Amino acid sequence: MANLTDLTIAEAQAGLAKGDFSSKEITEAHITAIEVARDLNAFVTETPERALADAEASDKRRAAGNVGALDGLPIAIKDLFCTKGVKSTASSHMLDGFVPPYESTVTSKMVEAGMVMLGKTNLDEFAMGSSNETSYFGPVVNPWKRNSDDQPLVPGGSSGGSAAAVAARLCLAATGTDTGGSIRQPASFCGIVGMKPTYGRCSRWGIVAFASSLDQAGPMTRTVRDSAILLQSMVGFDPKDTTSSEMPVPDFQAVLGQDIKGLKIGIPSEYRVEGTDPEILALWDQGIKWLEDAGAEAVEVSLPRTKYALPAYYIIAPAEASSNLARYDGMRYGLRADGDSLAEVYENTRAEGFGAEVRRRILMGTYVLSAGYYDAYYIKAQKVRKLIADEFSSAFETVDAILTPAVPSAAFAHGEKSDDLLGMYLNDVMTVPASLAGLPGISVPAGLSSDGLPLGLQLITKAFDEETLFRVADILEQSAGFTARPGQKV
């Protein structure tokens, strides 16, 4: 039998159904893997007792013939999701020790589907970052290494803990959240599949808010099929979330295996961003050829306002963060610092509770929302956002999906961009446009750099067309034949 931690979700489901192993056995294997790999710092909170209890309950349900969609599968949860009775920190000192009395809608659905929860994964503080170096609990280490040196690499962010855990075989899959690329970018850095659904597909209720008009939960897995399986148990209308969609939910797995003959794949020249690693551009060209060989037609599309997406994002997201994080004042929950007056309590709590990157974004957001600058910055950025969304809509009148690189470079070393904020923000340059437009996107591992690091390609489709997204991603995955894993030298 293969190592239980090497199984995909689909393989684990089949093995559990056949009785090749129990949920308790596969859960114990993952708990051991987590203990051995603690140097990656992928988890903020481990829940082995909860996991074993979940597994034993699953085995009893299976024996009784009552099996859910995720029954018995060991899964990790990004520590941005509130989990009832389990510490939920957003990787911030502000929420260190916070134990919610309620469960997020997404994790509630997953619990109902029978998942086994292994623990909560590390992230950039309040999901603000592109490298997973801003966590109060320390940086996450990418399980991949460069051939040329042994420096620890970043896993990407903000869902870097989830990405590292999936890549290192510490869990079968994990949840992530994507505001401007926080699922797709770390997925590319860690050589896994990261999928952001259409805005509104997954309820945001019970997920610690960063930028409410952008935040969206999604699956992080090792295969496209696993992504479809996990997403199925995460989506659905939620009356507690006013932005939750009532669109019908299709069977995402049903489209896998279908050919893509006759589909038109848009290739936007604007994504050949200056400074992008030539190896990534070459991989993009290879990706185009793979899809053409599968019967699709590559069509040039124009998205000229792509270059304005990143500046618009870094006005809108900090503005919404400034508003959302105003609730952390030391009065109701989380950290409370001492002070001689109410104002001083506020000041001391927020100064002590928030890290440098969070404070920076709050200040940026407060500035663009202030009198005299609201129209000049925030309103203008929202207008640009609408124009970007309209450009995508026009493109999807002639193409079925768009293929682009996922990131401009492979994973970089810890500290390499700490003093280069612009360079750090540019990591999201290829993922942000789809986020601003609320579109579904997926990063699929497609090759290795000359230094042995994974590189991903991104697919984008029109809103609520995750079926086409998975259909094309499945073909891309098969064509790439990516089987590399951390620890292998090439």
Protein backbone atom coordinates (compact mmCIF):
# COMPACT_ATOMS: atom_id res chain seq x y z
CA MET A 1 0.00 0.00 0.00
CA ALA A 2 1.20 3.51 -0.81
CA ASN A 3 2.11 5.82 2.01
CA LEU A 4 -1.22 7.07 3.36
CA THR A 5 -0.02 10.68 3.31
CA ASP A 6 0.72 10.44 -0.44
CA LEU A 7 -2.90 9.74 -1.34
CA THR A 8 -5.09 12.25 -3.11
CA ILE A 9 -8.60 12.92 -1.82
CA ALA A 10 -10.04 10.76 -4.61
CA GLU A 11 -7.64 7.90 -3.80
CA ALA A 12 -8.36 8.19 -0.08
CA GLN A 13 -12.10 8.09 -0.72
CA ALA A 14 -11.69 4.94 -2.80
CA GLY A 15 -9.45 3.29 -0.19
CA LEU A 16 -11.82 4.09 2.65
CA ALA A 17 -14.76 2.76 0.64
CA LYS A 18 -12.95 -0.51 -0.08
CA GLY A 19 -11.82 -0.89 3.54
CA ASP A 20 -8.12 -0.78 2.66
CA PHE A 21 -7.62 1.44 5.71
CA SER A 22 -9.70 3.29 8.24
CA SER A 23 -10.12 7.00 8.78
CA LYS A 24 -8.31 6.58 12.08
CA GLU A 25 -5.30 5.04 10.31
CA ILE A 26 -5.01 7.74 7.64
CA THR A 27 -5.55 10.43 10.29
CA GLU A 28 -2.80 9.00 12.53
CA ALA A 29 -0.44 9.00 9.54
CA HIS A 30 -1.07 12.70 8.95
CA ILE A 31 -0.76 13.59 12.63
CA THR A 32 2.67 11.94 12.64
CA ALA A 33 3.65 13.79 9.47
CA ILE A 34 2.70 17.11 11.09
CA GLU A 35 4.79 16.32 14.17
CA VAL A 36 7.82 15.45 12.04
CA ALA A 37 7.54 18.61 9.90
CA ARG A 38 7.01 21.24 12.61
CA ASP A 39 10.07 23.11 11.35
CA LEU A 40 7.90 24.25 8.42
CA ASN A 41 5.71 26.16 10.91
CA ALA A 42 2.71 25.39 8.71
CA PHE A 43 0.28 25.07 11.61
CA VAL A 44 -0.66 27.65 14.24
CA THR A 45 -2.82 25.19 16.15
CA GLU A 46 -2.71 21.38 15.91
CA THR A 47 -5.83 19.47 16.97
CA PRO A 48 -4.78 15.80 17.11
CA GLU A 49 -7.34 14.84 19.79
CA ARG A 50 -10.14 16.45 17.81
CA ALA A 51 -8.88 14.77 14.62
CA LEU A 52 -8.83 11.29 16.16
CA ALA A 53 -12.30 11.80 17.60
CA ASP A 54 -13.53 12.96 14.18
CA ALA A 55 -11.91 9.92 12.55
CA GLU A 56 -13.39 7.42 14.98
CA ALA A 57 -16.83 8.96 14.51
CA SER A 58 -16.37 8.71 10.74
CA ASP A 59 -15.41 5.04 10.94
CA LYS A 60 -18.59 4.35 12.93
CA ARG A 61 -20.71 6.20 10.35
CA ARG A 62 -19.08 4.26 7.53
CA ALA A 63 -19.76 0.96 9.29
CA ALA A 64 -23.40 2.00 9.55
CA GLY A 65 -23.54 2.95 5.86
CA ASN A 66 -23.88 6.67 6.51
CA VAL A 67 -21.07 8.36 4.58
CA GLY A 68 -20.70 12.09 3.79
CA ALA A 69 -18.89 13.70 0.84
CA LEU A 70 -15.70 14.30 2.88
CA ASP A 71 -16.14 11.51 5.39
CA GLY A 72 -12.95 10.49 7.16
CA LEU A 73 -10.64 12.77 5.15
CA PRO A 74 -7.91 14.61 7.16
CA ILE A 75 -8.06 18.28 6.13
CA ALA A 76 -6.39 21.45 7.43
CA ILE A 77 -8.19 24.77 7.89
CA LYS A 78 -6.61 28.17 7.32
CA ASP A 79 -6.66 30.06 10.62
CA LEU A 80 -8.83 32.78 9.12
CA PHE A 81 -11.92 30.55 9.45
CA CYS A 82 -13.64 30.66 12.83
CA THR A 83 -13.92 27.17 14.26
CA LYS A 84 -16.17 26.61 17.27
CA GLY A 85 -14.18 25.71 20.36
CA VAL A 86 -10.83 25.89 18.52
CA LYS A 87 -8.52 28.90 18.71
CA SER A 88 -8.89 31.17 15.66
CA THR A 89 -6.23 33.87 15.49
CA ALA A 90 -5.85 35.17 11.90
CA SER A 91 -2.14 34.76 12.82
CA SER A 92 -2.32 38.02 14.76
CA HIS A 93 -1.40 38.92 18.32
CA MET A 94 -4.68 40.84 18.31
CA LEU A 95 -6.65 37.56 18.29
CA ASP A 96 -4.12 35.33 20.04
CA GLY A 97 -6.20 33.15 22.33
CA PHE A 98 -9.57 33.96 20.73
CA VAL A 99 -11.83 30.87 20.76
CA PRO A 100 -15.03 31.45 18.75
CA PRO A 101 -18.37 30.22 20.10
CA TYR A 102 -19.53 29.60 16.52
CA GLU A 103 -18.41 27.87 13.29
CA SER A 104 -17.88 29.57 9.92
CA THR A 105 -20.40 28.55 7.27
CA VAL A 106 -17.74 26.97 5.04
CA THR A 107 -16.19 24.84 7.79
CA SER A 108 -19.66 24.00 9.10
CA LYS A 109 -20.50 22.55 5.68
CA MET A 110 -17.26 20.59 5.71
CA VAL A 111 -17.93 19.24 9.19
CA GLU A 112 -21.39 18.16 8.06
CA ALA A 113 -19.74 16.41 5.11
CA GLY A 114 -17.64 14.38 7.57
CA MET A 115 -14.17 15.95 7.34
CA VAL A 116 -11.50 15.24 9.94
CA MET A 117 -9.94 18.54 11.09
CA LEU A 118 -6.19 18.28 11.67
CA GLY A 119 -5.70 21.87 12.83
CA LYS A 120 -5.41 25.51 11.80
CA THR A 121 -2.75 26.64 9.33
CA ASN A 122 -0.48 29.66 9.54
CA LEU A 123 -1.01 32.73 7.33
CA ASP A 124 0.10 36.28 6.81
CA GLU A 125 -1.42 38.34 9.62
CA PHE A 126 -5.09 39.06 8.81
CA ALA A 127 -4.28 37.66 5.32
CA MET A 128 -2.17 40.72 4.50
CA GLY A 129 0.93 39.59 2.67
CA SER A 130 2.31 37.66 -0.28
CA SER A 131 5.02 35.60 1.41
CA ASN A 132 3.70 34.37 4.78
CA GLU A 133 6.37 36.35 6.60
CA THR A 134 4.00 38.70 8.47
CA SER A 135 2.47 36.11 10.83
CA TYR A 136 2.70 36.85 14.54
CA PHE A 137 3.61 33.18 14.96
CA GLY A 138 6.60 33.36 12.63
CA PRO A 139 7.09 32.70 8.93
CA VAL A 140 6.08 29.51 7.17
CA VAL A 141 8.83 27.62 5.34
CA ASN A 142 8.19 26.32 1.84
CA PRO A 143 8.93 22.55 1.74
CA TRP A 144 10.63 23.05 -1.64
CA LYS A 145 14.33 23.95 -1.90
CA ARG A 146 16.32 25.47 -4.72
CA ASN A 147 18.93 23.26 -6.37
CA SER A 148 21.47 26.06 -6.12
CA ASP A 149 21.38 26.64 -2.36
CA ASP A 150 19.75 25.55 0.89
CA GLN A 151 18.14 28.86 1.87
CA PRO A 152 14.61 28.59 3.32
CA LEU A 153 12.05 29.81 0.81
CA VAL A 154 8.70 31.52 1.32
CA PRO A 155 5.56 29.52 0.50
CA GLY A 156 3.68 32.57 -0.78
CA GLY A 157 0.79 34.21 0.96
CA SER A 158 -1.47 34.70 2.57
CA SER A 159 -2.52 31.04 2.50
CA GLY A 160 1.10 29.88 2.74
CA GLY A 161 0.56 27.57 5.70
CA SER A 162 -2.18 25.72 3.84
CA ALA A 163 -0.08 25.53 0.66
CA ALA A 164 2.99 24.26 2.51
CA ALA A 165 0.94 21.69 4.43
CA VAL A 166 -0.63 20.29 1.26
CA ALA A 167 2.68 20.22 -0.63
CA ALA A 168 4.50 18.55 2.29
CA ARG A 169 1.80 15.85 2.60
CA LEU A 170 0.74 17.00 6.09
CA CYS A 171 -2.93 16.91 5.03
CA LEU A 172 -4.95 15.65 2.08
CA ALA A 173 -6.14 19.19 1.37
CA ALA A 174 -6.67 22.53 3.04
CA THR A 175 -8.89 25.57 2.85
CA GLY A 176 -7.54 28.93 1.81
CA THR A 177 -8.89 32.41 1.21
CA ASP A 178 -8.12 34.59 -1.79
CA THR A 179 -8.43 38.39 -1.71
CA GLY A 180 -5.93 39.34 -4.41
CA GLY A 181 -4.28 36.00 -5.14
CA SER A 182 -3.77 34.48 -1.71
CA ILE A 183 -4.76 30.97 -2.87
CA ARG A 184 -3.37 30.98 -6.41
CA GLN A 185 0.02 32.58 -5.70
CA PRO A 186 1.07 30.25 -2.83
CA ALA A 187 -0.28 27.29 -4.81
CA SER A 188 2.13 28.19 -7.61
CA PHE A 189 5.04 28.64 -5.19
CA CYS A 190 4.37 25.26 -3.58
CA GLY A 191 3.51 23.18 -6.64
CA ILE A 192 -0.14 22.46 -5.80
CA VAL A 193 -3.57 23.31 -7.23
CA GLY A 194 -5.14 26.46 -5.79
CA MET A 195 -8.64 27.51 -6.82
CA LYS A 196 -10.55 30.75 -6.18
CA PRO A 197 -14.28 30.41 -6.91
CA THR A 198 -16.51 33.18 -8.19
CA TYR A 199 -17.10 35.86 -5.57
CA GLY A 200 -20.25 34.80 -3.74
CA ARG A 201 -19.92 31.04 -4.33
CA CYS A 202 -18.62 30.47 -0.79
CA SER A 203 -20.12 32.22 2.20
CA ARG A 204 -17.84 34.70 3.95
CA TRP A 205 -19.73 34.33 7.24
CA GLY A 206 -17.35 33.37 10.02
CA ILE A 207 -14.22 34.17 8.02
CA VAL A 208 -12.17 36.97 9.60
CA ALA A 209 -12.60 39.87 7.18
CA PHE A 210 -9.79 41.57 5.27
CA ALA A 211 -11.48 43.23 2.27
CA SER A 212 -15.14 42.29 2.17
CA SER A 213 -15.76 42.91 -1.53
CA LEU A 214 -12.82 40.69 -2.48
CA ASP A 215 -12.42 37.91 0.12
CA GLN A 216 -13.39 34.44 -1.10
CA ALA A 217 -12.73 30.98 0.32
CA GLY A 218 -11.44 28.17 -1.87
CA PRO A 219 -9.77 24.74 -1.91
CA MET A 220 -6.03 23.98 -1.92
CA THR A 221 -5.28 20.46 -3.12
CA ARG A 222 -2.75 18.37 -5.04
CA THR A 223 -4.97 17.64 -8.06
CA VAL A 224 -7.71 19.34 -10.06
CA ARG A 225 -10.13 16.51 -9.23
CA ASP A 226 -9.48 16.97 -5.51
CA SER A 227 -10.16 20.69 -5.93
CA ALA A 228 -13.55 19.93 -7.48
CA ILE A 229 -14.36 17.42 -4.71
CA LEU A 230 -13.48 19.81 -1.88
CA LEU A 231 -15.16 22.84 -3.45
CA GLN A 232 -18.42 20.90 -3.73
CA SER A 233 -18.65 20.78 0.07
CA MET A 234 -17.67 24.45 0.57
CA VAL A 235 -20.14 26.29 -1.68
CA GLY A 236 -23.81 27.18 -1.44
CA PHE A 237 -26.15 30.02 -0.57
CA ASP A 238 -25.98 31.37 2.97
CA PRO A 239 -28.63 33.85 4.19
CA LYS A 240 -26.15 35.06 6.84
CA ASP A 241 -23.93 36.52 4.08
CA THR A 242 -25.58 39.27 2.03
CA THR A 243 -23.08 38.73 -0.79
CA SER A 244 -23.74 34.98 -0.97
CA SER A 245 -25.03 33.84 -4.36
CA GLU A 246 -28.21 31.87 -4.94
CA MET A 247 -26.89 30.55 -8.26
CA PRO A 248 -27.41 26.77 -8.58
CA VAL A 249 -24.38 24.66 -7.71
CA PRO A 250 -23.37 22.21 -10.46
CA ASP A 251 -21.59 18.89 -10.01
CA PHE A 252 -18.02 20.11 -10.46
CA GLN A 253 -16.60 16.60 -10.91
CA ALA A 254 -18.98 15.77 -13.75
CA VAL A 255 -17.01 17.84 -16.29
CA LEU A 256 -13.66 16.22 -15.55
CA GLY A 257 -12.50 13.98 -18.37
CA GLN A 258 -14.40 15.90 -21.02
CA ASP A 259 -12.37 17.11 -23.99
CA ILE A 260 -11.88 20.77 -24.82
CA LYS A 261 -12.12 20.51 -28.61
CA GLY A 262 -13.48 23.72 -30.07
CA LEU A 263 -13.06 25.78 -26.90
CA LYS A 264 -11.43 29.17 -27.39
CA ILE A 265 -8.66 30.08 -24.95
CA GLY A 266 -7.87 33.78 -24.58
CA ILE A 267 -4.22 34.84 -24.42
CA PRO A 268 -3.86 38.42 -23.11
CA SER A 269 -0.61 40.07 -24.19
CA GLU A 270 -0.86 42.48 -21.25
CA TYR A 271 0.13 39.63 -18.91
CA ARG A 272 3.63 39.65 -20.37
CA VAL A 273 4.52 41.93 -17.49
CA GLU A 274 7.96 43.53 -17.39
CA GLY A 275 10.20 41.70 -14.96
CA THR A 276 8.47 38.33 -15.34
CA ASP A 277 10.91 35.41 -15.26
CA PRO A 278 11.59 34.28 -18.87
CA GLU A 279 11.11 30.67 -17.75
CA ILE A 280 7.53 31.49 -16.77
CA LEU A 281 6.84 33.14 -20.12
CA ALA A 282 8.26 30.04 -21.85
CA LEU A 283 6.01 27.83 -19.72
CA TRP A 284 3.04 29.99 -20.71
CA ASP A 285 3.88 29.39 -24.37
CA GLN A 286 4.11 25.68 -23.62
CA GLY A 287 0.72 25.81 -21.89
CA ILE A 288 -0.82 27.40 -24.98
CA LYS A 289 0.59 24.58 -27.11
CA TRP A 290 -0.74 21.91 -24.72
CA LEU A 291 -4.26 23.30 -24.98
CA GLU A 292 -4.00 23.66 -28.75
CA ASP A 293 -2.82 20.05 -29.01
CA ALA A 294 -5.91 19.07 -27.00
CA GLY A 295 -8.14 20.69 -29.62
CA ALA A 296 -8.65 24.18 -28.21
CA GLU A 297 -8.05 27.34 -30.20
CA ALA A 298 -5.78 30.04 -28.81
CA VAL A 299 -7.17 33.53 -29.40
CA GLU A 300 -5.45 36.81 -28.61
CA VAL A 301 -7.54 39.01 -26.33
CA SER A 302 -6.89 42.50 -25.10
CA LEU A 303 -7.17 43.53 -21.46
CA PRO A 304 -5.47 46.94 -21.63
CA ARG A 305 -6.47 48.09 -18.17
CA THR A 306 -4.66 45.16 -16.54
CA LYS A 307 -1.79 47.51 -15.69
CA TYR A 308 -4.12 49.52 -13.46
CA ALA A 309 -5.38 46.50 -11.50
CA LEU A 310 -2.61 46.41 -8.89
CA PRO A 311 -2.77 50.13 -7.94
CA ALA A 312 -6.58 49.95 -7.82
CA TYR A 313 -6.38 46.86 -5.59
CA TYR A 314 -3.94 48.54 -3.20
CA ILE A 315 -6.43 51.38 -2.74
CA ILE A 316 -9.61 49.31 -2.41
CA ALA A 317 -8.28 46.46 -0.24
CA PRO A 318 -6.55 48.67 2.40
CA ALA A 319 -9.63 50.94 2.50
CA GLU A 320 -11.87 47.98 3.32
CA ALA A 321 -9.27 46.61 5.74
CA SER A 322 -9.19 49.94 7.57
CA SER A 323 -12.96 49.71 8.03
CA ASN A 324 -13.05 46.01 8.94
CA LEU A 325 -10.20 46.18 11.44
CA ALA A 326 -11.69 49.14 13.29
CA ARG A 327 -13.60 46.58 15.39
CA TYR A 328 -10.38 45.48 17.13
CA ASP A 329 -10.33 48.09 19.85
CA GLY A 330 -9.74 46.04 23.02
CA MET A 331 -13.34 46.42 24.14
CA ARG A 332 -15.12 43.21 23.17
CA TYR A 333 -12.71 40.38 22.35
CA GLY A 334 -9.09 39.72 21.59
CA LEU A 335 -6.16 41.65 23.01
CA ARG A 336 -6.72 44.49 25.48
CA ALA A 337 -3.83 46.72 26.50
CA ASP A 338 -3.83 49.01 29.53
CA GLY A 339 -4.30 52.76 29.33
CA ASP A 340 -5.28 55.74 31.48
CA SER A 341 -8.12 56.73 29.15
CA LEU A 342 -10.39 55.11 26.59
CA ALA A 343 -8.39 56.65 23.75
CA GLU A 344 -5.16 55.34 25.25
CA VAL A 345 -6.60 51.82 25.55
CA TYR A 346 -7.51 51.98 21.87
CA GLU A 347 -4.08 53.26 20.90
CA ASN A 348 -2.11 50.80 23.02
CA THR A 349 -4.25 47.82 22.02
CA ARG A 350 -3.94 48.48 18.31
CA ALA A 351 -0.23 49.37 18.51
CA GLU A 352 0.53 46.16 20.38
CA GLY A 353 -1.94 43.90 18.59
CA PHE A 354 -1.22 44.70 14.94
CA GLY A 355 2.03 43.95 13.11
CA ALA A 356 3.84 46.35 10.81
CA GLU A 357 2.18 45.26 7.55
CA VAL A 358 -1.33 45.42 9.01
CA ARG A 359 -0.66 48.87 10.49
CA ARG A 360 0.71 50.00 7.13
CA ARG A 361 -2.43 48.90 5.28
CA ILE A 362 -4.74 50.41 7.88
CA LEU A 363 -2.94 53.74 7.49
CA MET A 364 -3.11 53.51 3.69
CA GLY A 365 -6.80 52.68 3.85
CA THR A 366 -7.64 55.40 6.33
CA TYR A 367 -5.81 57.93 4.15
CA VAL A 368 -7.69 57.07 0.94
CA LEU A 369 -11.03 57.17 2.79
CA SER A 370 -10.36 60.51 4.45
CA ALA A 371 -12.10 63.74 3.51
CA GLY A 372 -10.50 65.27 0.45
CA TYR A 373 -9.02 61.99 -0.80
CA TYR A 374 -12.08 59.70 -0.97
CA ASP A 375 -13.10 60.91 -4.44
CA ALA A 376 -9.55 61.24 -5.72
CA TYR A 377 -8.49 57.73 -4.73
CA TYR A 378 -11.19 55.34 -3.53
CA ILE A 379 -13.97 56.31 -5.95
CA LYS A 380 -11.53 56.45 -8.85
CA ALA A 381 -10.18 52.99 -7.96
CA GLN A 382 -13.74 51.62 -7.92
CA LYS A 383 -14.33 53.08 -11.38
CA VAL A 384 -11.15 51.40 -12.63
CA ARG A 385 -12.36 48.15 -11.07
CA LYS A 386 -15.59 48.39 -13.07
CA LEU A 387 -13.67 49.00 -16.28
CA ILE A 388 -11.47 45.95 -15.61
CA ALA A 389 -14.56 43.80 -15.01
CA ASP A 390 -16.12 45.12 -18.23
CA GLU A 391 -12.98 44.20 -20.18
CA PHE A 392 -13.17 40.63 -18.91
CA SER A 393 -16.86 40.49 -19.84
CA SER A 394 -16.05 41.63 -23.36
CA ALA A 395 -13.28 39.05 -23.65
CA PHE A 396 -15.59 36.24 -22.55
CA GLU A 397 -17.97 37.10 -25.39
CA THR A 398 -15.40 35.54 -27.73
CA VAL A 399 -13.42 33.08 -25.54
CA ASP A 400 -14.33 30.35 -23.05
CA ALA A 401 -11.34 30.70 -20.74
CA ILE A 402 -8.20 32.81 -20.36
CA LEU A 403 -4.73 31.34 -19.79
CA THR A 404 -2.00 33.37 -18.06
CA PRO A 405 0.97 32.79 -15.76
CA ALA A 406 0.02 32.60 -12.10
CA VAL A 407 3.02 34.52 -10.74
CA PRO A 408 5.91 36.54 -12.19
CA SER A 409 8.60 34.43 -10.45
CA ALA A 410 9.26 31.23 -8.55
CA ALA A 411 9.42 31.22 -4.74
CA PHE A 412 12.04 33.52 -3.24
CA ALA A 413 14.10 33.28 -0.07
CA HIS A 414 12.98 34.49 3.35
CA GLY A 415 13.88 38.14 3.79
CA GLU A 416 14.74 38.59 0.12
CA LYS A 417 11.98 41.14 -0.48
CA SER A 418 11.33 42.36 3.05
CA ASP A 419 12.69 45.82 2.25
CA ASP A 420 11.14 45.94 -1.21
CA LEU A 421 7.44 46.56 -0.60
CA LEU A 422 6.71 47.30 -4.26
CA GLY A 423 8.46 44.10 -5.31
CA MET A 424 6.46 42.18 -2.72
CA TYR A 425 3.16 43.66 -3.90
CA LEU A 426 4.05 42.85 -7.53
CA ASN A 427 3.80 39.14 -6.65
CA ASP A 428 0.03 39.55 -7.06
CA VAL A 429 0.14 41.37 -10.39
CA MET A 430 -1.28 38.40 -12.35
CA THR A 431 -3.88 37.29 -9.84
CA VAL A 432 -5.38 40.63 -8.77
CA PRO A 433 -7.34 41.41 -11.99
CA ALA A 434 -9.60 38.34 -11.64
CA SER A 435 -10.12 39.17 -7.96
CA LEU A 436 -11.24 42.72 -8.76
CA ALA A 437 -13.68 41.31 -11.33
CA GLY A 438 -14.95 38.62 -8.95
CA LEU A 439 -14.08 35.85 -11.42
CA PRO A 440 -13.09 32.24 -10.73
CA GLY A 441 -9.43 31.35 -11.24
CA ILE A 442 -7.19 28.36 -10.70
CA SER A 443 -3.43 27.83 -10.53
CA VAL A 444 -2.22 24.48 -11.85
CA PRO A 445 1.39 23.31 -11.36
CA ALA A 446 2.83 22.99 -14.86
CA GLY A 447 6.61 22.78 -14.64
CA LEU A 448 9.83 23.38 -12.75
CA SER A 449 12.28 26.24 -12.99
CA SER A 450 15.92 25.55 -13.86
CA ASP A 451 16.54 25.78 -10.11
CA GLY A 452 14.04 23.00 -9.39
CA LEU A 453 11.13 25.12 -8.12
CA PRO A 454 7.48 24.70 -9.15
CA LEU A 455 5.81 27.11 -11.56
CA GLY A 456 2.07 27.45 -12.08
CA LEU A 457 -0.23 28.50 -14.91
CA GLN A 458 -3.50 30.31 -14.23
CA LEU A 459 -6.88 29.81 -15.87
CA ILE A 460 -9.74 32.31 -15.54
CA THR A 461 -13.35 31.93 -16.70
CA LYS A 462 -16.46 34.07 -16.57
CA ALA A 463 -18.42 34.36 -13.33
CA PHE A 464 -20.09 31.15 -12.10
CA ASP A 465 -18.51 29.08 -14.86
CA GLU A 466 -16.37 26.90 -12.59
CA GLU A 467 -17.37 23.94 -14.77
CA THR A 468 -15.38 25.24 -17.75
CA LEU A 469 -12.56 26.22 -15.39
CA PHE A 470 -12.25 22.66 -14.04
CA ARG A 471 -12.72 21.14 -17.50
CA VAL A 472 -9.81 23.09 -19.00
CA ALA A 473 -7.68 22.80 -15.84
CA ASP A 474 -8.06 19.03 -15.95
CA ILE A 475 -6.66 18.94 -19.50
CA LEU A 476 -3.86 21.34 -18.56
CA GLU A 477 -2.94 19.14 -15.59
CA GLN A 478 -2.88 16.00 -17.76
CA SER A 479 -0.77 17.71 -20.42
CA ALA A 480 1.75 19.05 -17.89
CA GLY A 481 2.06 15.70 -16.14
CA PHE A 482 3.50 17.42 -13.07
CA THR A 483 4.65 14.74 -10.62
CA ALA A 484 7.54 16.53 -8.88
CA ARG A 485 7.40 16.90 -5.13
CA PRO A 486 9.44 18.64 -2.43
CA GLY A 487 12.75 16.97 -1.64
CA GLN A 488 13.44 15.81 -5.18
CA LYS A 489 16.47 17.21 -6.97
CA VAL A 490 16.25 17.80 -10.70
